[in-house]
Amino acid sequence: MFGPRLGTVFASRWRAIWWAASIMALAWSVVPSADDKDAEPPHAHVDPWAKVQKSSDN
């Protein structure tokens, strides 16, 4: 596995607090805000296997 062993993390109370704080900081920086106004609106899904429909203008 990645990272330190749980036995070494929880060997002291201060290491456990630092480990928990780092996990919380990681989650805070990775997860976007629910009211983020700068985010682009989701695009409509386009089926890549669908046949292209030609317009009747031709």
N, C-alpha and C. Protein backbone atom coordinates (compact mmCIF):
# COMPACT_ATOMS: atom_id res chain seq x y z
N MET A 1 0.83 -1.18 0.00
CA MET A 1 0.00 0.00 0.00
C MET A 1 0.87 1.25 0.00
N PHE A 2 0.24 2.36 -0.28
CA PHE A 2 0.95 3.62 -0.30
C PHE A 2 0.88 4.29 1.07
N GLY A 3 1.86 5.10 1.37
CA GLY A 3 1.86 5.87 2.60
C GLY A 3 2.42 5.08 3.77
N PRO A 4 2.40 5.70 4.94
CA PRO A 4 2.96 5.05 6.12
C PRO A 4 2.03 3.95 6.66
N ARG A 5 2.61 3.07 7.42
CA ARG A 5 1.81 2.03 8.05
C ARG A 5 0.93 2.65 9.13
N LEU A 6 -0.22 2.07 9.35
CA LEU A 6 -1.13 2.63 10.34
C LEU A 6 -0.54 2.56 11.75
N GLY A 7 0.30 1.55 12.01
CA GLY A 7 0.93 1.46 13.31
C GLY A 7 1.87 2.61 13.60
N THR A 8 2.54 3.12 12.56
CA THR A 8 3.43 4.26 12.77
C THR A 8 2.66 5.57 12.80
N VAL A 9 1.55 5.64 12.08
CA VAL A 9 0.75 6.87 12.09
C VAL A 9 0.12 7.09 13.45
N PHE A 10 -0.44 6.03 13.99
CA PHE A 10 -1.15 6.15 15.26
C PHE A 10 -0.28 5.78 16.45
N ALA A 11 1.04 5.82 16.29
CA ALA A 11 1.94 5.55 17.40
C ALA A 11 1.89 6.70 18.40
N SER A 12 1.68 7.91 17.93
CA SER A 12 1.53 9.04 18.84
C SER A 12 0.29 9.83 18.45
N ARG A 13 -0.24 10.53 19.39
CA ARG A 13 -1.44 11.32 19.16
C ARG A 13 -1.20 12.44 18.16
N TRP A 14 -0.02 13.07 18.23
CA TRP A 14 0.28 14.19 17.33
C TRP A 14 0.45 13.73 15.89
N ARG A 15 1.04 12.56 15.69
CA ARG A 15 1.14 12.03 14.33
C ARG A 15 -0.24 11.73 13.76
N ALA A 16 -1.12 11.20 14.60
CA ALA A 16 -2.48 10.91 14.15
C ALA A 16 -3.21 12.19 13.79
N ILE A 17 -3.01 13.25 14.57
CA ILE A 17 -3.66 14.53 14.27
C ILE A 17 -3.13 15.11 12.96
N TRP A 18 -1.82 15.07 12.76
CA TRP A 18 -1.23 15.57 11.51
C TRP A 18 -1.71 14.76 10.32
N TRP A 19 -1.80 13.44 10.48
CA TRP A 19 -2.26 12.58 9.39
C TRP A 19 -3.70 12.91 9.03
N ALA A 20 -4.57 13.04 10.04
CA ALA A 20 -5.97 13.35 9.80
C ALA A 20 -6.12 14.74 9.17
N ALA A 21 -5.32 15.70 9.63
CA ALA A 21 -5.39 17.05 9.06
C ALA A 21 -4.93 17.04 7.61
N SER A 22 -3.94 16.24 7.27
CA SER A 22 -3.49 16.19 5.88
C SER A 22 -4.54 15.55 4.98
N ILE A 23 -5.23 14.54 5.48
CA ILE A 23 -6.31 13.93 4.70
C ILE A 23 -7.45 14.92 4.49
N MET A 24 -7.78 15.67 5.53
CA MET A 24 -8.84 16.68 5.40
C MET A 24 -8.43 17.79 4.42
N ALA A 25 -7.18 18.20 4.46
CA ALA A 25 -6.70 19.24 3.54
C ALA A 25 -6.71 18.72 2.10
N LEU A 26 -6.35 17.47 1.91
CA LEU A 26 -6.39 16.88 0.57
C LEU A 26 -7.82 16.85 0.05
N ALA A 27 -8.76 16.41 0.88
CA ALA A 27 -10.16 16.36 0.46
C ALA A 27 -10.69 17.75 0.16
N TRP A 28 -10.32 18.73 0.98
CA TRP A 28 -10.79 20.10 0.78
C TRP A 28 -10.26 20.67 -0.53
N SER A 29 -9.04 20.30 -0.91
CA SER A 29 -8.46 20.86 -2.13
C SER A 29 -8.92 20.13 -3.39
N VAL A 30 -9.36 18.90 -3.26
CA VAL A 30 -9.72 18.10 -4.44
C VAL A 30 -11.20 18.23 -4.79
N VAL A 31 -12.07 18.22 -3.80
CA VAL A 31 -13.51 18.22 -4.06
C VAL A 31 -13.96 19.64 -4.39
N PRO A 32 -14.67 19.82 -5.52
CA PRO A 32 -15.12 21.17 -5.89
C PRO A 32 -16.27 21.62 -5.00
N SER A 33 -16.44 22.91 -4.92
CA SER A 33 -17.51 23.49 -4.12
C SER A 33 -18.85 23.26 -4.82
N ALA A 34 -19.90 23.09 -4.05
CA ALA A 34 -21.23 22.85 -4.63
C ALA A 34 -21.76 24.09 -5.32
N ASP A 35 -21.39 25.27 -4.86
CA ASP A 35 -21.89 26.50 -5.47
C ASP A 35 -20.82 27.21 -6.29
N ASP A 36 -19.99 26.43 -6.94
CA ASP A 36 -18.92 26.98 -7.76
C ASP A 36 -19.50 27.56 -9.04
N LYS A 37 -19.47 28.88 -9.17
CA LYS A 37 -20.07 29.57 -10.32
C LYS A 37 -19.17 29.55 -11.54
N ASP A 38 -17.88 29.31 -11.37
CA ASP A 38 -16.94 29.34 -12.48
C ASP A 38 -16.95 28.05 -13.30
N ALA A 39 -17.61 27.03 -12.80
CA ALA A 39 -17.61 25.75 -13.50
C ALA A 39 -18.48 25.84 -14.75
N GLU A 40 -18.05 25.13 -15.76
CA GLU A 40 -18.81 25.09 -17.01
C GLU A 40 -20.04 24.20 -16.82
N PRO A 41 -21.13 24.52 -17.51
CA PRO A 41 -22.30 23.65 -17.41
C PRO A 41 -22.00 22.31 -18.09
N PRO A 42 -22.61 21.25 -17.62
CA PRO A 42 -22.33 19.95 -18.23
C PRO A 42 -22.80 19.91 -19.69
N HIS A 43 -22.02 19.29 -20.52
CA HIS A 43 -22.36 19.18 -21.93
C HIS A 43 -23.33 18.02 -22.15
N ALA A 44 -24.15 18.16 -23.18
CA ALA A 44 -25.09 17.10 -23.50
C ALA A 44 -24.31 15.88 -24.01
N HIS A 45 -24.77 14.72 -23.65
CA HIS A 45 -24.11 13.49 -24.07
C HIS A 45 -24.38 13.23 -25.55
N VAL A 46 -23.33 12.90 -26.27
CA VAL A 46 -23.45 12.58 -27.68
C VAL A 46 -23.02 11.14 -27.86
N ASP A 47 -23.88 10.34 -28.46
CA ASP A 47 -23.57 8.94 -28.67
C ASP A 47 -22.57 8.83 -29.82
N PRO A 48 -21.35 8.34 -29.56
CA PRO A 48 -20.36 8.26 -30.63
C PRO A 48 -20.69 7.20 -31.67
N TRP A 49 -21.57 6.26 -31.34
CA TRP A 49 -21.92 5.18 -32.27
C TRP A 49 -23.17 5.49 -33.08
N ALA A 50 -23.82 6.60 -32.78
CA ALA A 50 -25.04 6.95 -33.51
C ALA A 50 -24.68 7.38 -34.93
N LYS A 51 -25.54 7.05 -35.85
CA LYS A 51 -25.31 7.46 -37.23
C LYS A 51 -25.57 8.96 -37.36
N VAL A 52 -24.75 9.60 -38.15
CA VAL A 52 -24.89 11.03 -38.37
C VAL A 52 -26.09 11.25 -39.27
N GLN A 53 -27.01 12.08 -38.82
CA GLN A 53 -28.20 12.37 -39.61
C GLN A 53 -27.92 13.58 -40.48
N LYS A 54 -28.13 13.40 -41.78
CA LYS A 54 -27.90 14.48 -42.71
C LYS A 54 -29.12 15.40 -42.71
N SER A 55 -28.84 16.67 -42.88
CA SER A 55 -29.94 17.63 -42.91
C SER A 55 -30.68 17.50 -44.24
N SER A 56 -31.95 17.91 -44.27
CA SER A 56 -32.75 17.80 -45.47
C SER A 56 -32.54 18.97 -46.43
N ASP A 57 -31.57 19.85 -46.11
CA ASP A 57 -31.31 21.01 -46.96
C ASP A 57 -30.52 20.62 -48.21
N ASN A 58 -29.92 19.44 -48.26
CA ASN A 58 -29.06 19.07 -49.39
C ASN A 58 -29.85 18.74 -50.59
